[in-house]
């Protein structure tokens, strides 16, 4: 049964806890996201290879590859085939080309394995975001250059740092002005959902309280 595709979240979403390939997801979905990304890459590679194998160059390359592997396997199973009938080792140009190709294949495999090993060590050594979740667990994403946080938590901190001056909100007119300021900040994306909720509650409380204070009563009478 196919898994439901996990879609990325906005960077300031409360559940956007981890960065995977530049997109944000809930940490609980990380394993499934890695699986779906790997499946997507594999499908792309499979489709691209199938199209390439239908081209003239693809057909020639695959014929060469199949013959190379067949000869390699044959020599492993028949080690004496490397020698001529009268004893000396095969020294023909065609066979030298095969041996050079075999050496290149082995060198490529070693270099690839070494590159994978170094990349893994580099990833393990990479400085991690210093943000800690409410559970106490540290964010596992690499932090930005010359920063203490990953890209997601750096943006969240910047958003948190935004301060919106609503004014005195002590009479109906100033309350209406505060509402307009809050609307503008929401439209501009300057606040996260927590800040919007707190400020909206503050305005609501001021509106409820304005007719119950001496100052508010004087304003209404005037």
N, C-alpha and C. Protein backbone atom coordinates (compact mmCIF):
# COMPACT_ATOMS: atom_id res chain seq x y z
N UNK A 1 0.85 -1.20 0.00
CA UNK A 1 0.00 0.00 0.00
C UNK A 1 0.88 1.25 0.00
N UNK A 2 0.62 2.22 -0.93
CA UNK A 2 1.44 3.41 -1.04
C UNK A 2 1.21 4.34 0.14
N UNK A 3 2.29 4.98 0.58
CA UNK A 3 2.19 5.93 1.67
C UNK A 3 1.62 7.25 1.13
N UNK A 4 0.88 7.96 1.97
CA UNK A 4 0.40 9.27 1.61
C UNK A 4 1.58 10.23 1.51
N UNK A 5 1.63 10.99 0.44
CA UNK A 5 2.76 11.90 0.24
C UNK A 5 2.73 13.02 1.27
N UNK A 6 3.86 13.23 1.92
CA UNK A 6 3.99 14.30 2.90
C UNK A 6 4.37 15.58 2.18
N UNK A 7 3.58 16.63 2.34
CA UNK A 7 3.86 17.91 1.69
C UNK A 7 4.65 18.81 2.65
N UNK A 8 5.53 19.66 2.10
CA UNK A 8 6.31 20.56 2.96
C UNK A 8 5.43 21.58 3.64
N UNK A 9 5.94 22.12 4.74
CA UNK A 9 5.21 23.11 5.53
C UNK A 9 5.85 24.49 5.35
N UNK A 10 5.10 25.57 5.60
CA UNK A 10 5.72 26.90 5.63
C UNK A 10 6.80 26.93 6.72
N UNK A 11 7.86 27.71 6.51
CA UNK A 11 8.98 27.70 7.45
C UNK A 11 8.57 28.14 8.86
N UNK A 12 7.49 28.97 8.94
CA UNK A 12 7.07 29.45 10.26
C UNK A 12 5.90 28.66 10.84
N UNK A 13 5.62 27.51 10.24
CA UNK A 13 4.56 26.65 10.77
C UNK A 13 5.03 26.05 12.10
N UNK A 14 4.14 25.95 13.10
CA UNK A 14 4.57 25.45 14.41
C UNK A 14 5.14 24.03 14.37
N UNK A 15 4.79 23.24 13.37
CA UNK A 15 5.30 21.87 13.28
C UNK A 15 6.49 21.75 12.32
N UNK A 16 6.94 22.87 11.76
CA UNK A 16 8.09 22.84 10.85
C UNK A 16 9.37 22.75 11.67
N UNK A 17 9.76 21.53 12.00
CA UNK A 17 10.85 21.32 12.96
C UNK A 17 12.15 20.88 12.32
N UNK A 18 12.11 20.48 11.05
CA UNK A 18 13.32 19.93 10.44
C UNK A 18 13.39 20.31 8.96
N UNK A 19 14.62 20.60 8.51
CA UNK A 19 14.86 21.01 7.12
C UNK A 19 15.39 19.81 6.35
N UNK A 20 14.69 19.43 5.28
CA UNK A 20 15.13 18.32 4.43
C UNK A 20 15.19 18.83 3.00
N UNK A 21 16.40 18.92 2.46
CA UNK A 21 16.62 19.36 1.09
C UNK A 21 15.98 20.72 0.84
N UNK A 22 16.11 21.62 1.83
CA UNK A 22 15.63 22.99 1.66
C UNK A 22 14.16 23.21 1.95
N UNK A 23 13.43 22.17 2.33
CA UNK A 23 12.02 22.29 2.66
C UNK A 23 11.80 21.87 4.11
N UNK A 24 10.68 22.29 4.67
CA UNK A 24 10.44 22.09 6.11
C UNK A 24 9.31 21.11 6.35
N UNK A 25 9.54 20.25 7.35
CA UNK A 25 8.57 19.20 7.68
C UNK A 25 8.54 19.02 9.20
N UNK A 26 7.51 18.32 9.65
CA UNK A 26 7.46 17.90 11.05
C UNK A 26 8.50 16.81 11.27
N UNK A 27 9.15 16.83 12.42
CA UNK A 27 10.19 15.84 12.69
C UNK A 27 9.63 14.43 12.65
N UNK A 28 8.38 14.25 13.06
CA UNK A 28 7.78 12.92 13.05
C UNK A 28 7.64 12.36 11.64
N UNK A 29 7.62 13.24 10.63
CA UNK A 29 7.45 12.79 9.24
C UNK A 29 8.78 12.62 8.52
N UNK A 30 9.90 12.87 9.20
CA UNK A 30 11.20 12.90 8.53
C UNK A 30 11.52 11.59 7.81
N UNK A 31 11.30 10.47 8.48
CA UNK A 31 11.64 9.18 7.87
C UNK A 31 10.85 8.95 6.59
N UNK A 32 9.56 9.26 6.62
CA UNK A 32 8.73 9.06 5.43
C UNK A 32 9.14 10.03 4.32
N UNK A 33 9.51 11.26 4.68
CA UNK A 33 9.95 12.24 3.69
C UNK A 33 11.22 11.76 3.00
N UNK A 34 12.17 11.21 3.78
CA UNK A 34 13.39 10.68 3.18
C UNK A 34 13.06 9.54 2.21
N UNK A 35 12.10 8.70 2.59
CA UNK A 35 11.70 7.59 1.70
C UNK A 35 11.08 8.11 0.41
N UNK A 36 10.19 9.09 0.53
CA UNK A 36 9.52 9.58 -0.67
C UNK A 36 10.48 10.36 -1.57
N UNK A 37 11.45 11.05 -0.97
CA UNK A 37 12.45 11.75 -1.79
C UNK A 37 13.34 10.75 -2.52
N UNK A 38 13.72 9.68 -1.82
CA UNK A 38 14.55 8.65 -2.44
C UNK A 38 13.78 7.96 -3.57
N UNK A 39 12.50 7.70 -3.34
CA UNK A 39 11.67 7.06 -4.37
C UNK A 39 11.52 7.97 -5.58
N UNK A 40 11.38 9.27 -5.34
CA UNK A 40 11.24 10.21 -6.45
C UNK A 40 12.52 10.26 -7.28
N UNK A 41 13.68 10.30 -6.61
CA UNK A 41 14.95 10.32 -7.34
C UNK A 41 15.16 9.03 -8.12
N UNK A 42 14.80 7.91 -7.50
CA UNK A 42 14.97 6.62 -8.18
C UNK A 42 14.07 6.53 -9.41
N UNK A 43 12.84 7.04 -9.30
CA UNK A 43 11.92 7.02 -10.45
C UNK A 43 12.44 7.89 -11.58
N UNK A 44 13.00 9.05 -11.22
CA UNK A 44 13.55 9.94 -12.24
C UNK A 44 14.74 9.29 -12.94
N UNK A 45 15.64 8.68 -12.15
CA UNK A 45 16.81 8.02 -12.73
C UNK A 45 16.40 6.86 -13.63
N UNK A 46 15.41 6.11 -13.20
CA UNK A 46 14.94 4.96 -13.98
C UNK A 46 14.37 5.42 -15.33
N UNK A 47 13.54 6.45 -15.29
CA UNK A 47 12.95 6.96 -16.52
C UNK A 47 14.01 7.53 -17.46
N UNK A 48 14.97 8.29 -16.88
CA UNK A 48 16.03 8.88 -17.70
C UNK A 48 16.90 7.80 -18.35
N UNK A 49 17.20 6.74 -17.58
CA UNK A 49 18.03 5.66 -18.13
C UNK A 49 17.30 4.91 -19.24
N UNK A 50 16.01 4.66 -19.04
CA UNK A 50 15.24 3.95 -20.06
C UNK A 50 15.21 4.73 -21.37
N UNK A 51 15.07 6.05 -21.29
CA UNK A 51 15.07 6.87 -22.50
C UNK A 51 16.44 6.87 -23.16
N UNK A 52 17.50 6.97 -22.33
CA UNK A 52 18.87 6.99 -22.86
C UNK A 52 19.22 5.68 -23.54
N UNK A 53 18.76 4.56 -22.99
CA UNK A 53 19.09 3.25 -23.56
C UNK A 53 18.47 3.04 -24.93
N UNK A 54 17.49 3.87 -25.29
CA UNK A 54 16.87 3.76 -26.61
C UNK A 54 17.61 4.57 -27.66
N UNK A 55 18.55 5.41 -27.24
CA UNK A 55 19.32 6.23 -28.17
C UNK A 55 20.46 5.40 -28.77
N UNK A 56 21.02 5.79 -29.92
CA UNK A 56 22.15 5.06 -30.50
C UNK A 56 23.34 4.97 -29.57
N UNK A 57 23.65 6.08 -28.90
CA UNK A 57 24.79 6.06 -27.97
C UNK A 57 24.53 5.17 -26.77
N UNK A 58 23.28 5.15 -26.32
CA UNK A 58 22.94 4.29 -25.19
C UNK A 58 23.06 2.82 -25.56
N UNK A 59 22.59 2.48 -26.75
CA UNK A 59 22.66 1.07 -27.19
C UNK A 59 24.11 0.62 -27.33
N UNK A 60 24.96 1.47 -27.92
CA UNK A 60 26.38 1.12 -28.09
C UNK A 60 27.06 0.96 -26.73
N UNK A 61 26.77 1.90 -25.82
CA UNK A 61 27.39 1.85 -24.51
C UNK A 61 26.98 0.59 -23.76
N UNK A 62 25.70 0.25 -23.80
CA UNK A 62 25.23 -0.94 -23.10
C UNK A 62 25.81 -2.22 -23.71
N UNK A 63 25.98 -2.22 -25.05
CA UNK A 63 26.59 -3.39 -25.69
C UNK A 63 28.04 -3.54 -25.22
N UNK A 64 28.75 -2.41 -25.13
CA UNK A 64 30.13 -2.44 -24.65
C UNK A 64 30.18 -2.91 -23.19
N UNK A 65 29.26 -2.37 -22.38
CA UNK A 65 29.25 -2.72 -20.96
C UNK A 65 28.97 -4.21 -20.76
N UNK A 66 27.98 -4.72 -21.49
CA UNK A 66 27.63 -6.14 -21.36
C UNK A 66 28.80 -7.03 -21.78
N UNK A 67 29.48 -6.67 -22.89
CA UNK A 67 30.63 -7.46 -23.35
C UNK A 67 31.77 -7.39 -22.35
N UNK A 68 32.00 -6.20 -21.78
CA UNK A 68 33.05 -6.01 -20.78
C UNK A 68 32.81 -6.91 -19.57
N UNK A 69 31.57 -6.89 -19.06
CA UNK A 69 31.24 -7.70 -17.89
C UNK A 69 31.30 -9.19 -18.20
N UNK A 70 30.90 -9.57 -19.41
CA UNK A 70 30.95 -10.98 -19.80
C UNK A 70 32.39 -11.48 -19.86
N UNK A 71 33.26 -10.66 -20.44
CA UNK A 71 34.68 -11.06 -20.52
C UNK A 71 35.31 -11.09 -19.14
N UNK A 72 34.97 -10.14 -18.30
CA UNK A 72 35.49 -10.10 -16.93
C UNK A 72 35.09 -11.36 -16.18
N UNK A 73 33.83 -11.73 -16.28
CA UNK A 73 33.34 -12.93 -15.62
C UNK A 73 34.03 -14.18 -16.17
N UNK A 74 34.21 -14.21 -17.49
CA UNK A 74 34.86 -15.37 -18.12
C UNK A 74 36.29 -15.55 -17.61
N UNK A 75 37.04 -14.46 -17.46
CA UNK A 75 38.42 -14.55 -16.98
C UNK A 75 38.48 -15.02 -15.53
N UNK A 76 37.48 -14.59 -14.73
CA UNK A 76 37.43 -15.06 -13.34
C UNK A 76 37.19 -16.56 -13.28
N UNK A 77 36.35 -17.03 -14.17
CA UNK A 77 36.02 -18.47 -14.17
C UNK A 77 37.08 -19.30 -14.89
N UNK A 78 37.84 -18.65 -15.76
CA UNK A 78 38.87 -19.36 -16.54
C UNK A 78 40.18 -18.56 -16.47
N UNK A 79 40.87 -18.58 -15.35
CA UNK A 79 42.08 -17.77 -15.19
C UNK A 79 43.17 -18.08 -16.21
N UNK A 80 43.21 -19.29 -16.72
CA UNK A 80 44.24 -19.65 -17.71
C UNK A 80 43.98 -19.00 -19.07
N UNK A 81 42.80 -18.45 -19.26
CA UNK A 81 42.48 -17.83 -20.55
C UNK A 81 43.29 -16.56 -20.78
N UNK A 82 43.96 -16.06 -19.73
CA UNK A 82 44.78 -14.88 -19.87
C UNK A 82 46.07 -15.18 -20.62
N UNK A 83 46.36 -16.45 -20.82
CA UNK A 83 47.59 -16.87 -21.50
C UNK A 83 47.29 -17.39 -22.90
N UNK A 84 48.28 -17.28 -23.77
CA UNK A 84 48.18 -17.86 -25.10
C UNK A 84 48.31 -19.37 -25.04
N UNK A 85 48.03 -20.02 -26.14
CA UNK A 85 48.07 -21.49 -26.17
C UNK A 85 49.47 -22.03 -25.87
N UNK A 86 50.52 -21.27 -26.25
CA UNK A 86 51.87 -21.77 -26.00
C UNK A 86 52.47 -21.24 -24.71
N UNK A 87 51.66 -20.58 -23.87
CA UNK A 87 52.13 -20.23 -22.53
C UNK A 87 52.24 -18.76 -22.20
N UNK A 88 52.75 -17.87 -23.07
CA UNK A 88 52.93 -16.47 -22.70
C UNK A 88 51.60 -15.77 -22.40
N UNK A 89 51.69 -14.75 -21.58
CA UNK A 89 50.50 -13.96 -21.23
C UNK A 89 50.04 -13.15 -22.44
N UNK A 90 48.74 -13.00 -22.57
CA UNK A 90 48.18 -12.22 -23.66
C UNK A 90 48.70 -10.78 -23.59
N UNK A 91 49.22 -10.27 -24.70
CA UNK A 91 49.81 -8.93 -24.70
C UNK A 91 49.31 -8.12 -25.89
N UNK A 92 48.11 -8.42 -26.35
CA UNK A 92 47.55 -7.71 -27.50
C UNK A 92 46.94 -6.37 -27.06
N UNK A 93 46.90 -5.45 -28.01
CA UNK A 93 46.39 -4.10 -27.71
C UNK A 93 44.96 -4.14 -27.20
N UNK A 94 44.14 -5.02 -27.82
CA UNK A 94 42.73 -5.12 -27.41
C UNK A 94 42.61 -5.57 -25.95
N UNK A 95 43.50 -6.49 -25.54
CA UNK A 95 43.43 -6.97 -24.16
C UNK A 95 43.98 -5.93 -23.19
N UNK A 96 44.97 -5.18 -23.62
CA UNK A 96 45.49 -4.10 -22.78
C UNK A 96 44.41 -3.06 -22.51
N UNK A 97 43.61 -2.80 -23.54
CA UNK A 97 42.50 -1.85 -23.38
C UNK A 97 41.51 -2.36 -22.34
N UNK A 98 41.22 -3.65 -22.37
CA UNK A 98 40.32 -4.24 -21.37
C UNK A 98 40.92 -4.10 -19.97
N UNK A 99 42.21 -4.41 -19.81
CA UNK A 99 42.84 -4.32 -18.50
C UNK A 99 42.86 -2.89 -17.98
N UNK A 100 43.07 -1.93 -18.89
CA UNK A 100 43.04 -0.53 -18.48
C UNK A 100 41.63 -0.14 -18.03
N UNK A 101 40.63 -0.61 -18.77
CA UNK A 101 39.25 -0.34 -18.37
C UNK A 101 38.90 -0.95 -17.03
N UNK A 102 39.40 -2.17 -16.80
CA UNK A 102 39.16 -2.84 -15.53
C UNK A 102 39.79 -2.06 -14.38
N UNK A 103 40.97 -1.54 -14.62
CA UNK A 103 41.65 -0.73 -13.59
C UNK A 103 40.86 0.55 -13.31
N UNK A 104 40.35 1.18 -14.36
CA UNK A 104 39.56 2.40 -14.17
C UNK A 104 38.28 2.13 -13.37
N UNK A 105 37.65 0.98 -13.66
CA UNK A 105 36.43 0.61 -12.94
C UNK A 105 36.73 0.43 -11.45
N UNK A 106 37.81 -0.27 -11.14
CA UNK A 106 38.18 -0.50 -9.74
C UNK A 106 38.56 0.80 -9.05
N UNK A 107 39.30 1.67 -9.75
CA UNK A 107 39.68 2.95 -9.16
C UNK A 107 38.45 3.81 -8.90
N UNK A 108 37.51 3.80 -9.85
CA UNK A 108 36.28 4.58 -9.69
C UNK A 108 35.49 4.11 -8.47
N UNK A 109 35.42 2.79 -8.29
CA UNK A 109 34.68 2.24 -7.15
C UNK A 109 35.34 2.66 -5.84
N UNK A 110 36.65 2.61 -5.78
CA UNK A 110 37.34 3.01 -4.55
C UNK A 110 37.15 4.50 -4.27
N UNK A 111 37.26 5.33 -5.31
CA UNK A 111 37.08 6.77 -5.13
C UNK A 111 35.66 7.10 -4.68
N UNK A 112 34.68 6.41 -5.25
CA UNK A 112 33.30 6.66 -4.88
C UNK A 112 33.05 6.28 -3.42
N UNK A 113 33.57 5.14 -3.00
CA UNK A 113 33.41 4.71 -1.62
C UNK A 113 34.10 5.68 -0.66
N UNK A 114 35.28 6.18 -1.07
CA UNK A 114 35.99 7.13 -0.23
C UNK A 114 35.24 8.45 -0.12
N UNK A 115 34.67 8.89 -1.25
CA UNK A 115 33.88 10.12 -1.24
C UNK A 115 32.66 9.99 -0.33
N UNK A 116 31.98 8.86 -0.40
CA UNK A 116 30.83 8.63 0.47
C UNK A 116 31.23 8.63 1.93
N UNK A 117 32.37 8.01 2.23
CA UNK A 117 32.86 7.97 3.61
C UNK A 117 33.17 9.38 4.12
N UNK A 118 33.87 10.18 3.30
CA UNK A 118 34.22 11.54 3.70
C UNK A 118 32.99 12.42 3.87
N UNK A 119 32.02 12.26 2.97
CA UNK A 119 30.78 13.05 3.08
C UNK A 119 30.03 12.71 4.36
N UNK A 120 30.03 11.42 4.71
CA UNK A 120 29.36 11.01 5.94
C UNK A 120 30.05 11.60 7.15
N UNK A 121 31.38 11.57 7.16
CA UNK A 121 32.13 12.14 8.28
C UNK A 121 31.91 13.65 8.36
N UNK A 122 31.87 14.31 7.20
CA UNK A 122 31.64 15.76 7.17
C UNK A 122 30.27 16.10 7.74
N UNK A 123 29.26 15.32 7.34
CA UNK A 123 27.90 15.56 7.84
C UNK A 123 27.82 15.36 9.35
N UNK A 124 28.55 14.36 9.85
CA UNK A 124 28.55 14.09 11.28
C UNK A 124 29.27 15.19 12.06
N UNK A 125 30.27 15.83 11.42
CA UNK A 125 31.02 16.88 12.09
C UNK A 125 30.37 18.25 11.98
N UNK A 126 29.41 18.39 11.05
CA UNK A 126 28.80 19.69 10.78
C UNK A 126 28.18 20.27 12.04
N UNK A 127 28.41 21.56 12.25
CA UNK A 127 27.84 22.24 13.41
C UNK A 127 26.32 22.20 13.33
N UNK A 128 25.69 21.89 14.44
CA UNK A 128 24.24 21.74 14.47
C UNK A 128 23.55 22.95 15.08
N UNK A 129 22.32 23.15 14.66
CA UNK A 129 21.50 24.23 15.20
C UNK A 129 21.39 24.09 16.72
N UNK A 130 21.51 25.21 17.42
CA UNK A 130 21.49 25.19 18.88
C UNK A 130 20.09 25.34 19.46
N UNK A 131 19.09 25.44 18.60
CA UNK A 131 17.71 25.54 19.11
C UNK A 131 17.31 24.24 19.80
N UNK A 132 16.63 24.37 20.90
CA UNK A 132 16.11 23.19 21.61
C UNK A 132 14.59 23.26 21.63
N UNK A 133 13.98 22.12 21.31
CA UNK A 133 12.52 22.03 21.33
C UNK A 133 12.03 21.95 22.77
N UNK A 134 10.72 22.07 22.92
CA UNK A 134 10.15 22.03 24.26
C UNK A 134 10.46 20.71 24.97
N UNK A 135 10.67 19.66 24.20
CA UNK A 135 11.00 18.36 24.78
C UNK A 135 12.43 18.31 25.33
N UNK A 136 13.23 19.34 24.98
CA UNK A 136 14.62 19.36 25.40
C UNK A 136 15.56 18.83 24.33
N UNK A 137 15.00 18.25 23.27
CA UNK A 137 15.82 17.69 22.19
C UNK A 137 16.37 18.82 21.33
N UNK A 138 17.66 18.71 20.98
CA UNK A 138 18.28 19.73 20.15
C UNK A 138 17.94 19.52 18.69
N UNK A 139 17.74 20.61 17.96
CA UNK A 139 17.48 20.52 16.52
C UNK A 139 18.67 19.86 15.84
N UNK A 140 18.40 18.93 14.93
CA UNK A 140 19.48 18.19 14.29
C UNK A 140 19.94 18.76 12.96
N UNK A 141 19.35 19.87 12.52
CA UNK A 141 19.70 20.43 11.21
C UNK A 141 21.02 21.19 11.30
N UNK A 142 21.82 21.19 10.22
CA UNK A 142 23.07 21.98 10.22
C UNK A 142 22.75 23.45 10.37
N UNK A 143 23.56 24.15 11.16
CA UNK A 143 23.31 25.58 11.33
C UNK A 143 23.91 26.36 10.17
N UNK A 144 23.40 27.58 9.98
CA UNK A 144 23.88 28.44 8.89
C UNK A 144 25.29 28.92 9.19
N UNK A 145 26.01 29.28 8.12
CA UNK A 145 27.37 29.79 8.29
C UNK A 145 27.36 31.03 9.18
N UNK A 146 28.25 31.03 10.17
CA UNK A 146 28.41 32.15 11.10
C UNK A 146 27.15 32.43 11.91
N UNK A 147 26.29 31.43 12.04
CA UNK A 147 25.06 31.57 12.82
C UNK A 147 25.00 30.44 13.85
N UNK A 148 24.14 30.61 14.85
CA UNK A 148 23.95 29.57 15.85
C UNK A 148 22.77 28.66 15.52
N UNK A 149 21.95 29.10 14.54
CA UNK A 149 20.71 28.37 14.24
C UNK A 149 20.68 27.92 12.79
N UNK A 150 19.81 26.95 12.51
CA UNK A 150 19.57 26.52 11.12
C UNK A 150 18.71 27.59 10.44
N UNK A 151 18.50 27.43 9.14
CA UNK A 151 17.77 28.45 8.39
C UNK A 151 16.35 28.64 8.94
N UNK A 152 15.68 27.53 9.25
CA UNK A 152 14.31 27.63 9.73
C UNK A 152 14.24 28.38 11.05
N UNK A 153 15.06 27.98 12.02
CA UNK A 153 14.97 28.61 13.34
C UNK A 153 15.56 30.03 13.34
N UNK A 154 16.46 30.32 12.40
CA UNK A 154 16.94 31.68 12.26
C UNK A 154 15.80 32.59 11.81
N UNK A 155 15.01 32.11 10.86
CA UNK A 155 13.87 32.90 10.38
C UNK A 155 12.81 33.06 11.45
N UNK A 156 12.59 31.99 12.21
CA UNK A 156 11.61 32.08 13.30
C UNK A 156 12.05 33.09 14.34
N UNK A 157 13.35 33.12 14.64
CA UNK A 157 13.86 34.08 15.62
C UNK A 157 13.71 35.50 15.11
N UNK A 158 13.97 35.68 13.80
CA UNK A 158 13.79 37.01 13.22
C UNK A 158 12.33 37.45 13.31
N UNK A 159 11.42 36.50 13.04
CA UNK A 159 10.00 36.83 13.12
C UNK A 159 9.59 37.17 14.55
N UNK A 160 10.14 36.42 15.50
CA UNK A 160 9.83 36.66 16.91
C UNK A 160 10.33 38.02 17.35
N UNK A 161 11.44 38.46 16.74
CA UNK A 161 12.04 39.73 17.15
C UNK A 161 11.21 40.93 16.70
N UNK A 162 10.27 40.71 15.77
CA UNK A 162 9.45 41.81 15.29
C UNK A 162 8.53 42.30 16.41
N UNK A 163 8.51 43.58 16.63
CA UNK A 163 7.64 44.16 17.65
C UNK A 163 6.66 45.10 16.96
N UNK A 164 5.38 44.94 17.25
CA UNK A 164 4.35 45.76 16.61
C UNK A 164 3.78 46.71 17.65
N UNK A 165 3.94 48.01 17.40
CA UNK A 165 3.44 49.03 18.31
C UNK A 165 1.98 49.31 17.98
N UNK A 166 1.09 48.85 18.83
CA UNK A 166 -0.34 49.04 18.60
C UNK A 166 -0.83 50.39 19.10
N UNK A 167 0.02 51.12 19.78
CA UNK A 167 -0.42 52.39 20.32
C UNK A 167 -1.08 52.22 21.68
N UNK A 168 -1.70 53.28 22.19
CA UNK A 168 -2.26 53.23 23.55
C UNK A 168 -3.48 52.33 23.71
N UNK A 169 -4.26 52.07 22.64
CA UNK A 169 -5.52 51.31 22.65
C UNK A 169 -6.33 51.56 23.94
N UNK A 170 -6.68 52.87 24.11
CA UNK A 170 -7.41 53.26 25.33
C UNK A 170 -8.77 53.87 25.05
N UNK A 171 -9.13 53.96 23.76
CA UNK A 171 -10.46 54.47 23.39
C UNK A 171 -10.87 53.81 22.08
N UNK A 172 -12.14 53.94 21.67
CA UNK A 172 -12.60 53.26 20.45
C UNK A 172 -11.77 53.58 19.22
N UNK A 173 -11.37 54.85 19.06
CA UNK A 173 -10.60 55.21 17.87
C UNK A 173 -9.21 54.53 17.86
N UNK A 174 -8.54 54.56 19.01
CA UNK A 174 -7.20 53.95 19.06
C UNK A 174 -7.28 52.43 18.94
N UNK A 175 -8.38 51.85 19.41
CA UNK A 175 -8.57 50.41 19.25
C UNK A 175 -8.75 50.06 17.77
N UNK A 176 -9.53 50.89 17.06
CA UNK A 176 -9.72 50.66 15.63
C UNK A 176 -8.40 50.80 14.88
N UNK A 177 -7.58 51.78 15.30
CA UNK A 177 -6.27 51.97 14.67
C UNK A 177 -5.36 50.76 14.94
N UNK A 178 -5.44 50.22 16.16
CA UNK A 178 -4.64 49.05 16.51
C UNK A 178 -5.04 47.84 15.66
N UNK A 179 -6.35 47.71 15.42
CA UNK A 179 -6.84 46.61 14.58
C UNK A 179 -6.27 46.73 13.17
N UNK A 180 -6.24 47.96 12.63
CA UNK A 180 -5.69 48.19 11.29
C UNK A 180 -4.20 47.85 11.24
N UNK A 181 -3.46 48.22 12.30
CA UNK A 181 -2.03 47.91 12.35
C UNK A 181 -1.80 46.40 12.37
N UNK A 182 -2.62 45.71 13.15
CA UNK A 182 -2.49 44.25 13.24
C UNK A 182 -2.82 43.61 11.90
N UNK A 183 -3.87 44.09 11.24
CA UNK A 183 -4.23 43.56 9.93
C UNK A 183 -3.08 43.74 8.93
N UNK A 184 -2.47 44.92 8.95
CA UNK A 184 -1.36 45.18 8.05
C UNK A 184 -0.17 44.27 8.30
N UNK A 185 0.13 44.03 9.60
CA UNK A 185 1.25 43.16 9.94
C UNK A 185 0.99 41.72 9.51
N UNK A 186 -0.28 41.29 9.63
CA UNK A 186 -0.64 39.92 9.21
C UNK A 186 -0.48 39.79 7.70
N UNK A 187 -0.97 40.78 6.96
CA UNK A 187 -0.87 40.74 5.50
C UNK A 187 0.58 40.73 5.04
N UNK A 188 1.43 41.49 5.74
CA UNK A 188 2.86 41.56 5.39
C UNK A 188 3.64 40.35 5.87
N UNK A 189 2.99 39.47 6.64
CA UNK A 189 3.67 38.27 7.12
C UNK A 189 4.72 38.54 8.18
N UNK A 190 4.55 39.60 8.97
CA UNK A 190 5.55 39.96 9.97
C UNK A 190 5.38 39.20 11.29
N UNK A 191 4.26 38.53 11.46
CA UNK A 191 3.97 37.87 12.73
C UNK A 191 3.67 36.40 12.52
N UNK A 192 4.02 35.59 13.53
CA UNK A 192 3.63 34.18 13.47
C UNK A 192 2.26 34.04 14.14
N UNK A 193 1.70 32.82 14.10
CA UNK A 193 0.33 32.62 14.59
C UNK A 193 0.23 32.91 16.09
N UNK A 194 1.31 32.64 16.84
CA UNK A 194 1.28 32.89 18.29
C UNK A 194 1.21 34.39 18.57
N UNK A 195 2.02 35.18 17.86
CA UNK A 195 2.01 36.62 18.05
C UNK A 195 0.67 37.22 17.65
N UNK A 196 0.11 36.74 16.54
CA UNK A 196 -1.20 37.25 16.10
C UNK A 196 -2.25 36.99 17.17
N UNK A 197 -2.23 35.78 17.72
CA UNK A 197 -3.21 35.44 18.76
C UNK A 197 -3.07 36.30 20.01
N UNK A 198 -1.82 36.54 20.43
CA UNK A 198 -1.59 37.34 21.63
C UNK A 198 -2.03 38.79 21.43
N UNK A 199 -1.68 39.35 20.26
CA UNK A 199 -2.04 40.75 20.01
C UNK A 199 -3.55 40.90 19.82
N UNK A 200 -4.18 39.95 19.15
CA UNK A 200 -5.63 40.00 18.97
C UNK A 200 -6.34 39.94 20.32
N UNK A 201 -5.81 39.09 21.20
CA UNK A 201 -6.41 39.00 22.54
C UNK A 201 -6.24 40.31 23.30
N UNK A 202 -5.08 40.96 23.14
CA UNK A 202 -4.83 42.24 23.80
C UNK A 202 -5.83 43.28 23.34
N UNK A 203 -6.08 43.33 22.02
CA UNK A 203 -7.05 44.29 21.48
C UNK A 203 -8.45 43.97 21.99
N UNK A 204 -8.79 42.69 22.00
CA UNK A 204 -10.11 42.28 22.48
C UNK A 204 -10.30 42.68 23.95
N UNK A 205 -9.26 42.47 24.74
CA UNK A 205 -9.33 42.83 26.15
C UNK A 205 -9.48 44.34 26.32
N UNK A 206 -8.76 45.10 25.51
CA UNK A 206 -8.85 46.56 25.60
C UNK A 206 -10.25 47.04 25.21
N UNK A 207 -10.82 46.42 24.16
CA UNK A 207 -12.16 46.81 23.72
C UNK A 207 -13.19 46.50 24.80
N UNK A 208 -13.02 45.39 25.48
CA UNK A 208 -13.95 45.01 26.55
C UNK A 208 -13.81 45.95 27.74
N UNK A 209 -12.58 46.39 27.96
CA UNK A 209 -12.28 47.14 29.18
C UNK A 209 -12.50 48.64 29.02
N UNK A 210 -12.55 49.14 27.77
CA UNK A 210 -12.54 50.58 27.57
C UNK A 210 -13.78 51.27 28.14
N UNK A 211 -14.92 50.59 28.13
CA UNK A 211 -16.15 51.20 28.67
C UNK A 211 -16.28 50.99 30.17
N UNK A 212 -15.35 50.28 30.76
CA UNK A 212 -15.43 49.96 32.19
C UNK A 212 -14.42 50.72 33.03
N UNK A 213 -13.65 51.60 32.38
CA UNK A 213 -12.69 52.41 33.13
C UNK A 213 -13.18 53.85 33.19
N UNK A 214 -12.69 54.59 34.16
CA UNK A 214 -13.09 56.01 34.30
C UNK A 214 -12.68 56.79 33.07
N UNK A 215 -11.46 56.51 32.54
CA UNK A 215 -10.97 57.18 31.37
C UNK A 215 -11.85 56.87 30.16
N UNK A 216 -12.21 55.57 30.03
CA UNK A 216 -13.03 55.17 28.91
C UNK A 216 -14.42 55.79 28.99
N UNK A 217 -14.98 55.88 30.20
CA UNK A 217 -16.30 56.46 30.37
C UNK A 217 -16.29 57.92 29.98
N UNK A 218 -15.21 58.66 30.36
CA UNK A 218 -15.12 60.08 29.98
C UNK A 218 -15.06 60.24 28.47
N UNK A 219 -14.33 59.33 27.79
CA UNK A 219 -14.23 59.39 26.33
C UNK A 219 -15.60 59.18 25.70
N UNK A 220 -16.36 58.21 26.25
CA UNK A 220 -17.68 57.92 25.68
C UNK A 220 -18.62 59.09 25.89
N UNK A 221 -18.55 59.75 27.07
CA UNK A 221 -19.43 60.85 27.37
C UNK A 221 -19.11 62.07 26.52
N UNK A 222 -17.78 62.23 26.27
CA UNK A 222 -17.38 63.38 25.48
C UNK A 222 -17.83 63.23 24.06
